[in-house]
C-alpha atoms as a PDB file:
ATOM      1  CA  UNK A   1      -4.469  10.442  13.179  1.00  0.00           C
ATOM      2  CA  UNK A   2      -4.698  13.376  15.559  1.00  0.00           C
ATOM      3  CA  UNK A   3      -6.989  16.396  15.123  1.00  0.00           C
ATOM      4  CA  UNK A   4      -5.213  19.067  12.959  1.00  0.00           C
ATOM      5  CA  UNK A   5      -3.747  21.771  15.109  1.00  0.00           C
ATOM      6  CA  UNK A   6      -5.020  20.113  18.264  1.00  0.00           C
ATOM      7  CA  UNK A   7      -8.568  21.529  17.889  1.00  0.00           C
ATOM      8  CA  UNK A   8     -11.613  19.673  19.068  1.00  0.00           C
ATOM      9  CA  UNK A   9     -13.846  18.159  16.327  1.00  0.00           C
ATOM     10  CA  UNK A  10     -16.817  20.105  15.222  1.00  0.00           C
ATOM     11  CA  UNK A  11     -20.185  18.008  15.482  1.00  0.00           C
ATOM     12  CA  UNK A  12     -22.088  17.743  12.240  1.00  0.00           C
ATOM     13  CA  UNK A  13     -24.625  20.515  11.868  1.00  0.00           C
ATOM     14  CA  UNK A  14     -22.807  22.751  14.207  1.00  0.00           C
ATOM     15  CA  UNK A  15     -22.700  26.525  13.703  1.00  0.00           C
ATOM     16  CA  UNK A  16     -19.068  26.929  12.595  1.00  0.00           C
ATOM     17  CA  UNK A  17     -17.229  29.808  14.195  1.00  0.00           C
ATOM     18  CA  UNK A  18     -13.840  30.530  12.742  1.00  0.00           C
ATOM     19  CA  UNK A  19     -11.446  32.664  14.798  1.00  0.00           C
ATOM     20  CA  UNK A  20      -8.865  31.711  12.149  1.00  0.00           C
ATOM     21  CA  UNK A  21      -9.335  29.988   8.793  1.00  0.00           C
ATOM     22  CA  UNK A  22      -7.667  27.086   7.009  1.00  0.00           C
ATOM     23  CA  UNK A  23      -8.804  28.514   3.645  1.00  0.00           C
ATOM     24  CA  UNK A  24      -9.637  32.194   2.637  1.00  0.00           C
ATOM     25  CA  UNK A  25     -10.739  32.763  -0.819  1.00  0.00           C
ATOM     26  CA  UNK A  26     -11.156  36.340  -1.931  1.00  0.00           C
ATOM     27  CA  UNK A  27     -12.847  37.198  -5.218  1.00  0.00           C
ATOM     28  CA  UNK A  28     -10.948  34.368  -7.007  1.00  0.00           C
ATOM     29  CA  UNK A  29     -11.318  34.001 -10.801  1.00  0.00           C
ATOM     30  CA  UNK A  30      -9.882  31.444 -13.132  1.00  0.00           C
ATOM     31  CA  UNK A  31     -10.159  31.861 -16.935  1.00  0.00           C
ATOM     32  CA  UNK A  32      -9.083  29.664 -19.808  1.00  0.00           C
ATOM     33  CA  UNK A  33      -9.051  32.201 -22.699  1.00  0.00           C
ATOM     34  CA  UNK A  34     -12.488  33.713 -22.834  1.00  0.00           C
ATOM     35  CA  UNK A  35     -14.098  30.970 -20.700  1.00  0.00           C
ATOM     36  CA  UNK A  36     -14.461  31.365 -16.934  1.00  0.00           C
ATOM     37  CA  UNK A  37     -13.977  28.180 -15.072  1.00  0.00           C
ATOM     38  CA  UNK A  38     -15.184  30.031 -11.986  1.00  0.00           C
ATOM     39  CA  UNK A  39     -15.602  33.751 -11.311  1.00  0.00           C
ATOM     40  CA  UNK A  40     -15.376  36.159  -8.420  1.00  0.00           C
ATOM     41  CA  UNK A  41     -15.603  33.366  -5.738  1.00  0.00           C
ATOM     42  CA  UNK A  42     -15.185  34.256  -2.123  1.00  0.00           C
ATOM     43  CA  UNK A  43     -15.488  31.971   0.982  1.00  0.00           C
ATOM     44  CA  UNK A  44     -13.684  30.802   4.112  1.00  0.00           C
ATOM     45  CA  UNK A  45     -13.255  27.373   5.691  1.00  0.00           C
ATOM     46  CA  UNK A  46     -12.335  27.015   9.336  1.00  0.00           C
ATOM     47  CA  UNK A  47      -9.876  24.529  10.679  1.00  0.00           C
ATOM     48  CA  UNK A  48     -11.668  21.317  11.761  1.00  0.00           C
ATOM     49  CA  UNK A  49     -14.498  22.093   9.286  1.00  0.00           C
ATOM     50  CA  UNK A  50     -15.731  19.722   6.494  1.00  0.00           C
ATOM     51  CA  UNK A  51     -16.740  21.971   3.695  1.00  0.00           C
ATOM     52  CA  UNK A  52     -18.866  20.664   0.757  1.00  0.00           C
ATOM     53  CA  UNK A  53     -18.243  22.147  -2.710  1.00  0.00           C
ATOM     54  CA  UNK A  54     -21.279  21.197  -4.977  1.00  0.00           C
ATOM     55  CA  UNK A  55     -22.105  21.969  -8.531  1.00  0.00           C
ATOM     56  CA  UNK A  56     -22.915  20.460 -12.043  1.00  0.00           C
ATOM     57  CA  UNK A  57     -20.424  19.226 -14.412  1.00  0.00           C
ATOM     58  CA  UNK A  58     -18.137  22.005 -15.603  1.00  0.00           C
ATOM     59  CA  UNK A  59     -18.967  24.336 -12.679  1.00  0.00           C
ATOM     60  CA  UNK A  60     -15.435  24.784 -11.635  1.00  0.00           C
ATOM     61  CA  UNK A  61     -15.221  22.568  -8.648  1.00  0.00           C
ATOM     62  CA  UNK A  62     -12.046  20.615  -9.660  1.00  0.00           C
ATOM     63  CA  UNK A  63     -10.509  23.674 -11.120  1.00  0.00           C
ATOM     64  CA  UNK A  64     -10.813  25.371  -7.754  1.00  0.00           C
ATOM     65  CA  UNK A  65      -9.135  22.430  -6.086  1.00  0.00           C
ATOM     66  CA  UNK A  66      -6.321  22.600  -8.505  1.00  0.00           C
ATOM     67  CA  UNK A  67      -6.005  26.356  -7.926  1.00  0.00           C
ATOM     68  CA  UNK A  68      -5.923  26.102  -4.151  1.00  0.00           C
ATOM     69  CA  UNK A  69      -3.592  23.147  -4.448  1.00  0.00           C
ATOM     70  CA  UNK A  70      -1.104  25.354  -6.453  1.00  0.00           C
ATOM     71  CA  UNK A  71      -1.456  23.230  -9.633  1.00  0.00           C
ATOM     72  CA  UNK A  72      -3.045  26.197 -11.412  1.00  0.00           C
ATOM     73  CA  UNK A  73      -2.560  29.886 -11.063  1.00  0.00           C
ATOM     74  CA  UNK A  74      -5.676  32.064 -10.581  1.00  0.00           C
ATOM     75  CA  UNK A  75      -6.402  34.751 -13.191  1.00  0.00           C
ATOM     76  CA  UNK A  76      -7.345  37.193 -10.522  1.00  0.00           C
ATOM     77  CA  UNK A  77      -8.243  37.398  -6.849  1.00  0.00           C
ATOM     78  CA  UNK A  78      -6.341  36.091  -3.923  1.00  0.00           C
ATOM     79  CA  UNK A  79      -6.384  33.253  -1.438  1.00  0.00           C
ATOM     80  CA  UNK A  80      -4.652  31.979   1.764  1.00  0.00           C
ATOM     81  CA  UNK A  81      -4.196  28.178   2.139  1.00  0.00           C
ATOM     82  CA  UNK A  82      -3.250  26.736   5.478  1.00  0.00           C
ATOM     83  CA  UNK A  83      -2.093  30.198   6.536  1.00  0.00           C
ATOM     84  CA  UNK A  84       0.071  30.748   3.544  1.00  0.00           C
ATOM     85  CA  UNK A  85      -0.823  33.274   0.845  1.00  0.00           C
ATOM     86  CA  UNK A  86      -1.347  31.680  -2.527  1.00  0.00           C
ATOM     87  CA  UNK A  87       1.340  32.699  -5.041  1.00  0.00           C
ATOM     88  CA  UNK A  88       4.150  31.015  -7.184  1.00  0.00           C
ATOM     89  CA  UNK A  89       6.842  31.412  -4.588  1.00  0.00           C
ATOM     90  CA  UNK A  90       4.874  29.792  -1.907  1.00  0.00           C
ATOM     91  CA  UNK A  91       3.870  26.741  -3.900  1.00  0.00           C
ATOM     92  CA  UNK A  92       6.084  24.208  -2.358  1.00  0.00           C
ATOM     93  CA  UNK A  93       5.323  25.496   1.268  1.00  0.00           C
ATOM     94  CA  UNK A  94       1.602  25.122   0.596  1.00  0.00           C
ATOM     95  CA  UNK A  95       1.902  21.623  -0.954  1.00  0.00           C
ATOM     96  CA  UNK A  96       3.809  20.574   2.168  1.00  0.00           C
ATOM     97  CA  UNK A  97       0.857  21.477   4.377  1.00  0.00           C
ATOM     98  CA  UNK A  98      -2.059  20.086   2.319  1.00  0.00           C
ATOM     99  CA  UNK A  99      -3.015  16.850   0.465  1.00  0.00           C
ATOM    100  CA  UNK A 100      -5.211  16.253  -2.508  1.00  0.00           C
ATOM    101  CA  UNK A 101      -6.976  13.012  -3.228  1.00  0.00           C
ATOM    102  CA  UNK A 102      -8.142  13.283  -6.803  1.00  0.00           C
ATOM    103  CA  UNK A 103     -11.118  11.408  -8.296  1.00  0.00           C
ATOM    104  CA  UNK A 104      -8.683   8.881  -9.896  1.00  0.00           C
ATOM    105  CA  UNK A 105      -6.277   7.400  -7.227  1.00  0.00           C
ATOM    106  CA  UNK A 106      -3.281   7.361  -9.432  1.00  0.00           C
ATOM    107  CA  UNK A 107      -1.539   4.495  -7.848  1.00  0.00           C
ATOM    108  CA  UNK A 108       1.267   2.221  -9.254  1.00  0.00           C
ATOM    109  CA  UNK A 109      -0.638  -1.024  -9.840  1.00  0.00           C
ATOM    110  CA  UNK A 110       2.434  -3.216  -9.811  1.00  0.00           C
ATOM    111  CA  UNK A 111       3.587  -2.002  -6.461  1.00  0.00           C
ATOM    112  CA  UNK A 112       2.238  -3.167  -3.173  1.00  0.00           C
ATOM    113  CA  UNK A 113       0.153  -0.898  -0.931  1.00  0.00           C
ATOM    114  CA  UNK A 114       3.132  -0.264   1.321  1.00  0.00           C
ATOM    115  CA  UNK A 115       5.423   0.445  -1.552  1.00  0.00           C
ATOM    116  CA  UNK A 116       3.044   2.961  -2.949  1.00  0.00           C
ATOM    117  CA  UNK A 117       2.936   4.801   0.234  1.00  0.00           C
ATOM    118  CA  UNK A 118       6.654   4.633   0.610  1.00  0.00           C
ATOM    119  CA  UNK A 119       7.042   6.182  -2.771  1.00  0.00           C
ATOM    120  CA  UNK A 120       4.806   9.195  -2.007  1.00  0.00           C
ATOM    121  CA  UNK A 121       6.260   9.623   1.512  1.00  0.00           C
ATOM    122  CA  UNK A 122       9.677   9.983  -0.211  1.00  0.00           C
ATOM    123  CA  UNK A 123       8.278  12.756  -2.530  1.00  0.00           C
ATOM    124  CA  UNK A 124       7.181  14.616   0.710  1.00  0.00           C
ATOM    125  CA  UNK A 125      10.718  14.031   2.105  1.00  0.00           C
ATOM    126  CA  UNK A 126       9.051  12.770   5.300  1.00  0.00           C
ATOM    127  CA  UNK A 127      11.016  11.374   8.243  1.00  0.00           C
ATOM    128  CA  UNK A 128       9.553   8.374  10.364  1.00  0.00           C
ATOM    129  CA  UNK A 129       8.115   6.951   7.154  1.00  0.00           C
ATOM    130  CA  UNK A 130       7.262   3.517   8.526  1.00  0.00           C
ATOM    131  CA  UNK A 131       5.369   5.055  11.453  1.00  0.00           C
ATOM    132  CA  UNK A 132       3.429   7.374   9.185  1.00  0.00           C
ATOM    133  CA  UNK A 133       2.584   4.517   6.790  1.00  0.00           C
ATOM    134  CA  UNK A 134       1.346   2.336   9.726  1.00  0.00           C
ATOM    135  CA  UNK A 135      -0.797   5.179  10.996  1.00  0.00           C
ATOM    136  CA  UNK A 136      -2.254   5.881   7.559  1.00  0.00           C
ATOM    137  CA  UNK A 137      -3.126   2.175   6.972  1.00  0.00           C
ATOM    138  CA  UNK A 138      -4.653   1.904  10.402  1.00  0.00           C
ATOM    139  CA  UNK A 139      -6.820   5.045   9.652  1.00  0.00           C
ATOM    140  CA  UNK A 140      -8.301   3.369   6.545  1.00  0.00           C
ATOM    141  CA  UNK A 141      -8.531  -0.148   8.018  1.00  0.00           C
ATOM    142  CA  UNK A 142      -5.918  -1.543   5.592  1.00  0.00           C
ATOM    143  CA  UNK A 143      -3.150  -2.738   7.756  1.00  0.00           C
ATOM    144  CA  UNK A 144      -3.602  -6.277   6.806  1.00  0.00           C
ATOM    145  CA  UNK A 145      -3.396  -5.459   3.069  1.00  0.00           C
ATOM    146  CA  UNK A 146      -0.118  -3.681   3.184  1.00  0.00           C
ATOM    147  CA  UNK A 147       1.790  -6.292   1.059  1.00  0.00           C
ATOM    148  CA  UNK A 148      -0.982  -6.732  -1.526  1.00  0.00           C
ATOM    149  CA  UNK A 149      -0.387  -5.483  -5.073  1.00  0.00           C
ATOM    150  CA  UNK A 150      -2.540  -2.432  -5.778  1.00  0.00           C
ATOM    151  CA  UNK A 151      -3.445  -3.990  -9.068  1.00  0.00           C
ATOM    152  CA  UNK A 152      -5.246  -6.711  -7.079  1.00  0.00           C
ATOM    153  CA  UNK A 153      -7.497  -4.409  -5.057  1.00  0.00           C
ATOM    154  CA  UNK A 154     -11.000  -3.308  -5.903  1.00  0.00           C
ATOM    155  CA  UNK A 155     -11.682   0.378  -6.800  1.00  0.00           C
ATOM    156  CA  UNK A 156     -13.070   0.853  -3.292  1.00  0.00           C
ATOM    157  CA  UNK A 157      -9.887  -0.451  -1.638  1.00  0.00           C
ATOM    158  CA  UNK A 158      -7.763   1.693  -4.035  1.00  0.00           C
ATOM    159  CA  UNK A 159      -9.730   4.736  -2.834  1.00  0.00           C
ATOM    160  CA  UNK A 160      -8.859   3.711   0.767  1.00  0.00           C
ATOM    161  CA  UNK A 161      -5.139   3.462  -0.265  1.00  0.00           C
ATOM    162  CA  UNK A 162      -5.467   6.892  -1.869  1.00  0.00           C
ATOM    163  CA  UNK A 163      -6.842   8.338   1.286  1.00  0.00           C
ATOM    164  CA  UNK A 164      -4.043   6.728   3.367  1.00  0.00           C
ATOM    165  CA  UNK A 165      -1.538   8.482   0.990  1.00  0.00           C
ATOM    166  CA  UNK A 166      -3.246  11.834   1.432  1.00  0.00           C
ATOM    167  CA  UNK A 167      -2.853  11.491   5.215  1.00  0.00           C
ATOM    168  CA  UNK A 168       0.832  10.756   5.229  1.00  0.00           C
ATOM    169  CA  UNK A 169       2.039  14.360   5.722  1.00  0.00           C
ATOM    170  CA  UNK A 170      -0.773  15.010   8.291  1.00  0.00           C
ATOM    171  CA  UNK A 171      -2.180  17.774   6.217  1.00  0.00           C
ATOM    172  CA  UNK A 172      -3.622  21.038   7.554  1.00  0.00           C
ATOM    173  CA  UNK A 173      -6.200  20.829   4.753  1.00  0.00           C
ATOM    174  CA  UNK A 174      -7.310  17.563   2.998  1.00  0.00           C
ATOM    175  CA  UNK A 175      -8.933  18.178  -0.455  1.00  0.00           C
ATOM    176  CA  UNK A 176     -11.153  15.289  -1.592  1.00  0.00           C
ATOM    177  CA  UNK A 177     -12.241  15.607  -5.187  1.00  0.00           C
ATOM    178  CA  UNK A 178     -15.188  13.224  -5.853  1.00  0.00           C
ATOM    179  CA  UNK A 179     -13.858  10.502  -3.509  1.00  0.00           C
ATOM    180  CA  UNK A 180     -16.796   8.150  -4.158  1.00  0.00           C
ATOM    181  CA  UNK A 181     -17.185   8.629  -7.922  1.00  0.00           C
ATOM    182  CA  UNK A 182     -17.888   5.392  -9.611  1.00  0.00           C
ATOM    183  CA  UNK A 183     -17.959   3.400  -6.376  1.00  0.00           C
ATOM    184  CA  UNK A 184     -20.723   0.850  -5.585  1.00  0.00           C
ATOM    185  CA  UNK A 185     -23.013   1.354  -2.519  1.00  0.00           C
ATOM    186  CA  UNK A 186     -20.822  -0.750  -0.181  1.00  0.00           C
ATOM    187  CA  UNK A 187     -17.608   0.904  -1.053  1.00  0.00           C
ATOM    188  CA  UNK A 188     -19.267   4.316  -0.970  1.00  0.00           C
ATOM    189  CA  UNK A 189     -20.456   3.609   2.585  1.00  0.00           C
ATOM    190  CA  UNK A 190     -16.939   2.602   3.629  1.00  0.00           C
ATOM    191  CA  UNK A 191     -15.443   5.807   2.343  1.00  0.00           C
ATOM    192  CA  UNK A 192     -18.182   7.792   4.010  1.00  0.00           C
ATOM    193  CA  UNK A 193     -17.322   6.104   7.276  1.00  0.00           C
ATOM    194  CA  UNK A 194     -13.698   6.911   6.800  1.00  0.00           C
ATOM    195  CA  UNK A 195     -14.429  10.614   6.079  1.00  0.00           C
ATOM    196  CA  UNK A 196     -16.810  10.777   9.083  1.00  0.00           C
ATOM    197  CA  UNK A 197     -13.978   9.340  11.212  1.00  0.00           C
ATOM    198  CA  UNK A 198     -11.475  12.028  10.048  1.00  0.00           C
ATOM    199  CA  UNK A 199     -14.118  14.702  10.570  1.00  0.00           C
ATOM    200  CA  UNK A 200     -14.650  13.407  14.204  1.00  0.00           C
ATOM    201  CA  UNK A 201     -10.940  13.818  14.676  1.00  0.00           C
ATOM    202  CA  UNK A 202     -10.884  17.426  13.649  1.00  0.00           C
ATOM    203  CA  UNK A 203      -9.325  17.042  10.217  1.00  0.00           C
ATOM    204  CA  UNK A 204     -10.086  19.982   7.881  1.00  0.00           C
ATOM    205  CA  UNK A 205     -11.675  18.592   4.612  1.00  0.00           C
ATOM    206  CA  UNK A 206     -12.632  20.368   1.465  1.00  0.00           C
ATOM    207  CA  UNK A 207     -14.997  17.912  -0.341  1.00  0.00           C
ATOM    208  CA  UNK A 208     -16.254  18.161  -3.780  1.00  0.00           C
ATOM    209  CA  UNK A 209     -19.024  15.898  -4.725  1.00  0.00           C
ATOM    210  CA  UNK A 210     -22.060  15.241  -6.909  1.00  0.00           C
ATOM    211  CA  UNK A 211     -23.666  13.108  -4.200  1.00  0.00           C
ATOM    212  CA  UNK A 212     -25.978  15.408  -2.290  1.00  0.00           C
ATOM    213  CA  UNK A 213     -26.773  12.965   0.386  1.00  0.00           C
ATOM    214  CA  UNK A 214     -22.980  12.573   0.941  1.00  0.00           C
ATOM    215  CA  UNK A 215     -22.627  16.337   1.500  1.00  0.00           C
ATOM    216  CA  UNK A 216     -25.677  16.427   3.751  1.00  0.00           C
ATOM    217  CA  UNK A 217     -24.400  13.646   5.912  1.00  0.00           C
ATOM    218  CA  UNK A 218     -20.783  14.699   6.142  1.00  0.00           C
ATOM    219  CA  UNK A 219     -20.420  18.473   5.830  1.00  0.00           C
ATOM    220  CA  UNK A 220     -20.723  21.231   8.342  1.00  0.00           C
ATOM    221  CA  UNK A 221     -21.442  23.773   5.531  1.00  0.00           C
ATOM    222  CA  UNK A 222     -21.804  23.546   1.784  1.00  0.00           C
ATOM    223  CA  UNK A 223     -21.345  25.967  -1.053  1.00  0.00           C
ATOM    224  CA  UNK A 224     -23.117  25.585  -4.343  1.00  0.00           C
ATOM    225  CA  UNK A 225     -21.126  26.654  -7.426  1.00  0.00           C
ATOM    226  CA  UNK A 226     -22.203  27.153 -11.046  1.00  0.00           C
ATOM    227  CA  UNK A 227     -19.284  29.200 -12.280  1.00  0.00           C
ATOM    228  CA  UNK A 228     -20.298  31.794  -9.685  1.00  0.00           C
ATOM    229  CA  UNK A 229     -20.996  31.004  -6.099  1.00  0.00           C
ATOM    230  CA  UNK A 230     -24.712  30.738  -5.691  1.00  0.00           C
ATOM    231  CA  UNK A 231     -25.183  30.012  -2.130  1.00  0.00           C
ATOM    232  CA  UNK A 232     -23.261  28.941   1.100  1.00  0.00           C
ATOM    233  CA  UNK A 233     -24.304  27.842   4.520  1.00  0.00           C
ATOM    234  CA  UNK A 234     -25.349  24.827   6.681  1.00  0.00           C
ATOM    235  CA  UNK A 235     -27.684  22.437   4.860  1.00  0.00           C
ATOM    236  CA  UNK A 236     -30.617  23.151   7.269  1.00  0.00           C
ATOM    237  CA  UNK A 237     -29.873  26.871   6.909  1.00  0.00           C
ATOM    238  CA  UNK A 238     -29.956  26.767   3.033  1.00  0.00           C
ATOM    239  CA  UNK A 239     -33.426  24.817   3.283  1.00  0.00           C
ATOM    240  CA  UNK A 240     -34.896  27.548   5.420  1.00  0.00           C
ATOM    241  CA  UNK A 241     -33.645  30.299   3.112  1.00  0.00           C
ATOM    242  CA  UNK A 242     -35.260  28.782   0.059  1.00  0.00           C
ATOM    243  CA  UNK A 243     -38.366  27.054   1.256  1.00  0.00           C
ATOM    244  CA  UNK A 244     -41.224  27.949   3.459  1.00  0.00           C
ATOM    245  CA  UNK A 245     -41.881  25.539   6.263  1.00  0.00           C
ATOM    246  CA  UNK A 246     -44.896  23.279   6.100  1.00  0.00           C
ATOM    247  CA  UNK A 247     -46.977  20.516   7.444  1.00  0.00           C
ATOM    248  CA  UNK A 248     -48.075  17.367   5.585  1.00  0.00           C
ATOM    249  CA  UNK A 249     -51.452  16.127   6.668  1.00  0.00           C
ATOM    250  CA  UNK A 250     -52.843  12.713   5.658  1.00  0.00           C
ATOM    251  CA  UNK A 251     -56.384  11.669   6.471  1.00  0.00           C
ATOM    252  CA  UNK A 252     -58.151   8.316   6.051  1.00  0.00           C
ATOM    253  CA  UNK A 253     -60.618   9.785   3.510  1.00  0.00           C
ATOM    254  CA  UNK A 254     -60.453  13.070   1.616  1.00  0.00           C
ATOM    255  CA  UNK A 255     -61.933  16.053   3.579  1.00  0.00           C
ATOM    256  CA  UNK A 256     -65.398  17.137   2.344  1.00  0.00           C
ATOM    257  CA  UNK A 257     -64.381  20.803   2.512  1.00  0.00           C
ATOM    258  CA  UNK A 258     -60.690  21.327   3.228  1.00  0.00           C
ATOM    259  CA  UNK A 259     -60.912  25.041   2.825  1.00  0.00           C
ATOM    260  CA  UNK A 260     -63.338  25.263   5.595  1.00  0.00           C
ATOM    261  CA  UNK A 261     -60.917  23.518   7.923  1.00  0.00           C
ATOM    262  CA  UNK A 262     -57.528  25.130   6.908  1.00  0.00           C
ATOM    263  CA  UNK A 263     -58.624  28.619   5.908  1.00  0.00           C
ATOM    264  CA  UNK A 264     -59.826  29.361   9.377  1.00  0.00           C
ATOM    265  CA  UNK A 265     -56.420  28.833  10.940  1.00  0.00           C
ATOM    266  CA  UNK A 266     -54.494  32.070  11.192  1.00  0.00           C
ATOM    267  CA  UNK A 267     -51.133  30.247  11.231  1.00  0.00           C
ATOM    268  CA  UNK A 268     -51.778  28.499   7.894  1.00  0.00           C
ATOM    269  CA  UNK A 269     -50.583  30.792   5.096  1.00  0.00           C
ATOM    270  CA  UNK A 270     -51.800  28.593   2.241  1.00  0.00           C
ATOM    271  CA  UNK A 271     -52.378  24.887   1.467  1.00  0.00           C
ATOM    272  CA  UNK A 272     -52.482  22.439  -1.499  1.00  0.00           C
ATOM    273  CA  UNK A 273     -53.606  18.988  -2.002  1.00  0.00           C
ATOM    274  CA  UNK A 274     -50.909  16.715  -3.340  1.00  0.00           C
ATOM    275  CA  UNK A 275     -51.180  14.024  -6.021  1.00  0.00           C
ATOM    276  CA  UNK A 276     -51.053  11.399  -3.261  1.00  0.00           C
ATOM    277  CA  UNK A 277     -54.156  12.942  -1.621  1.00  0.00           C
ATOM    278  CA  UNK A 278     -52.370  14.523   1.444  1.00  0.00           C
ATOM    279  CA  UNK A 279     -52.633  18.220   2.209  1.00  0.00           C
ATOM    280  CA  UNK A 280     -49.562  20.289   2.378  1.00  0.00           C
ATOM    281  CA  UNK A 281     -49.932  23.440   4.480  1.00  0.00           C
ATOM    282  CA  UNK A 282     -47.574  26.382   4.405  1.00  0.00           C
ATOM    283  CA  UNK A 283     -46.955  27.617   7.918  1.00  0.00           C
ATOM    284  CA  UNK A 284     -44.353  29.750   9.812  1.00  0.00           C
ATOM    285  CA  UNK A 285     -44.010  27.537  12.849  1.00  0.00           C
ATOM    286  CA  UNK A 286     -44.850  23.970  12.419  1.00  0.00           C
ATOM    287  CA  UNK A 287     -44.551  23.033  16.110  1.00  0.00           C
ATOM    288  CA  UNK A 288     -47.073  25.675  17.215  1.00  0.00           C
ATOM    289  CA  UNK A 289     -49.441  25.072  14.259  1.00  0.00           C
ATOM    290  CA  UNK A 290     -49.610  21.234  14.291  1.00  0.00           C
ATOM    291  CA  UNK A 291     -51.810  20.959  17.511  1.00  0.00           C
ATOM    292  CA  UNK A 292     -54.225  23.574  16.125  1.00  0.00           C
ATOM    293  CA  UNK A 293     -54.543  21.669  12.828  1.00  0.00           C
ATOM    294  CA  UNK A 294     -55.124  18.442  14.788  1.00  0.00           C
ATOM    295  CA  UNK A 295     -57.867  20.028  16.797  1.00  0.00           C
ATOM    296  CA  UNK A 296     -59.517  21.389  13.703  1.00  0.00           C
ATOM    297  CA  UNK A 297     -59.483  17.981  11.951  1.00  0.00           C
ATOM    298  CA  UNK A 298     -60.909  16.292  15.067  1.00  0.00           C
ATOM    299  CA  UNK A 299     -63.719  18.895  15.051  1.00  0.00           C
ATOM    300  CA  UNK A 300     -64.840  17.720  11.624  1.00  0.00           C
ATOM    301  CA  UNK A 301     -64.594  13.992  12.632  1.00  0.00           C
ATOM    302  CA  UNK A 302     -61.492  13.408  10.353  1.00  0.00           C
ATOM    303  CA  UNK A 303     -59.427  10.419  10.999  1.00  0.00           C
ATOM    304  CA  UNK A 304     -55.761  11.540  11.050  1.00  0.00           C
ATOM    305  CA  UNK A 305     -53.295   9.131   9.669  1.00  0.00           C
ATOM    306  CA  UNK A 306     -50.283  11.422   9.883  1.00  0.00           C
ATOM    307  CA  UNK A 307     -49.344  14.953  10.624  1.00  0.00           C
ATOM    308  CA  UNK A 308     -45.710  15.758  10.142  1.00  0.00           C
ATOM    309  CA  UNK A 309     -43.486  18.681   9.214  1.00  0.00           C
ATOM    310  CA  UNK A 310     -42.425  18.665   5.514  1.00  0.00           C
ATOM    311  CA  UNK A 311     -38.683  18.122   5.060  1.00  0.00           C
ATOM    312  CA  UNK A 312     -36.732  19.602   2.026  1.00  0.00           C
ATOM    313  CA  UNK A 313     -33.457  17.774   1.331  1.00  0.00           C
ATOM    314  CA  UNK A 314     -30.222  19.333   0.081  1.00  0.00           C
ATOM    315  CA  UNK A 315     -31.120  17.968  -3.293  1.00  0.00           C
ATOM    316  CA  UNK A 316     -34.214  20.159  -3.279  1.00  0.00           C
ATOM    317  CA  UNK A 317     -31.971  23.108  -2.535  1.00  0.00           C
ATOM    318  CA  UNK A 318     -29.555  22.214  -5.216  1.00  0.00           C
ATOM    319  CA  UNK A 319     -32.169  21.701  -7.856  1.00  0.00           C
ATOM    320  CA  UNK A 320     -33.843  24.937  -6.964  1.00  0.00           C
ATOM    321  CA  UNK A 321     -30.547  26.785  -7.719  1.00  0.00           C
ATOM    322  CA  UNK A 322     -28.919  24.682 -10.451  1.00  0.00           C
ATOM    323  CA  UNK A 323     -30.794  23.902 -13.575  1.00  0.00           C
ATOM    324  CA  UNK A 324     -28.029  23.954 -16.214  1.00  0.00           C
ATOM    325  CA  UNK A 325     -25.248  21.406 -16.883  1.00  0.00           C
ATOM    326  CA  UNK A 326     -22.410  23.803 -17.682  1.00  0.00           C
ATOM    327  CA  UNK A 327     -20.193  21.242 -19.346  1.00  0.00           C
ATOM    328  CA  UNK A 328     -22.968  20.145 -21.723  1.00  0.00           C
ATOM    329  CA  UNK A 329     -23.517  23.699 -22.889  1.00  0.00           C
ATOM    330  CA  UNK A 330     -19.832  24.012 -23.846  1.00  0.00           C
ATOM    331  CA  UNK A 331     -19.869  20.906 -26.023  1.00  0.00           C
END
């Protein structure tokens, strides 16, 4: 597959600049009666970007995908999908330029892999079907399974077929809705590698997931949704917004008077002793402060086992923002 729109791939963690956007969502709301699936949501996704959409059960992630995929009409607000304003008249044009891979592959189990792809290529009214199927199978490493019945494949391999199907029309935007849900670790790793390969080729991907390590590994930016949009940015940027930086200090034996060591250091804003016995220091600049901490420990004859910057994961960010399971509250 070639990079969408001929753009160079964006390296993971890069600061994404978007002279134009694959998706523009402006104050979008979807209600079912009195209940809001999501409310007043705005964001942009650039071409070539992998954008993670995170949130608890019932937060509105899949409903957003269905809305942007023209399967549901929004209650209010507006959006532009692959350069086309989202409205009823434009639905067929948008669907021709995007692909959606749902959580359940939805394949015909009595047909072969190739027959499934031929069927869906026909729905898109594509030309050069054989060439497109060959490229799709090559992209997901299933060329040698083209004549296998889909019913004989593992769930992981069916997910690969579904991904090949989603690539048939060379979409400007690829929506992946929980692509690794229910997969074992090996199949999950395989799907991750396929998504990473597409990312490196410049494919624009909108990824909903419950797996935070998946989002951290694959996405340039992430948005955290809990009916309303709570936060959006690069994973490292979100960590810095929510958490102070720190140093984790481990010594061979506990310090006799840790306050006498740490309180004297102007760069240390505070400290605590963890349950494991290490000392966690709150600092503004770990790189500048670490040598001063080391010298202070050596001055009191402490044996230093480790002195490292504390690292908060995307999971820490998520749990800091999202405490409620929205779906459970509605039961």
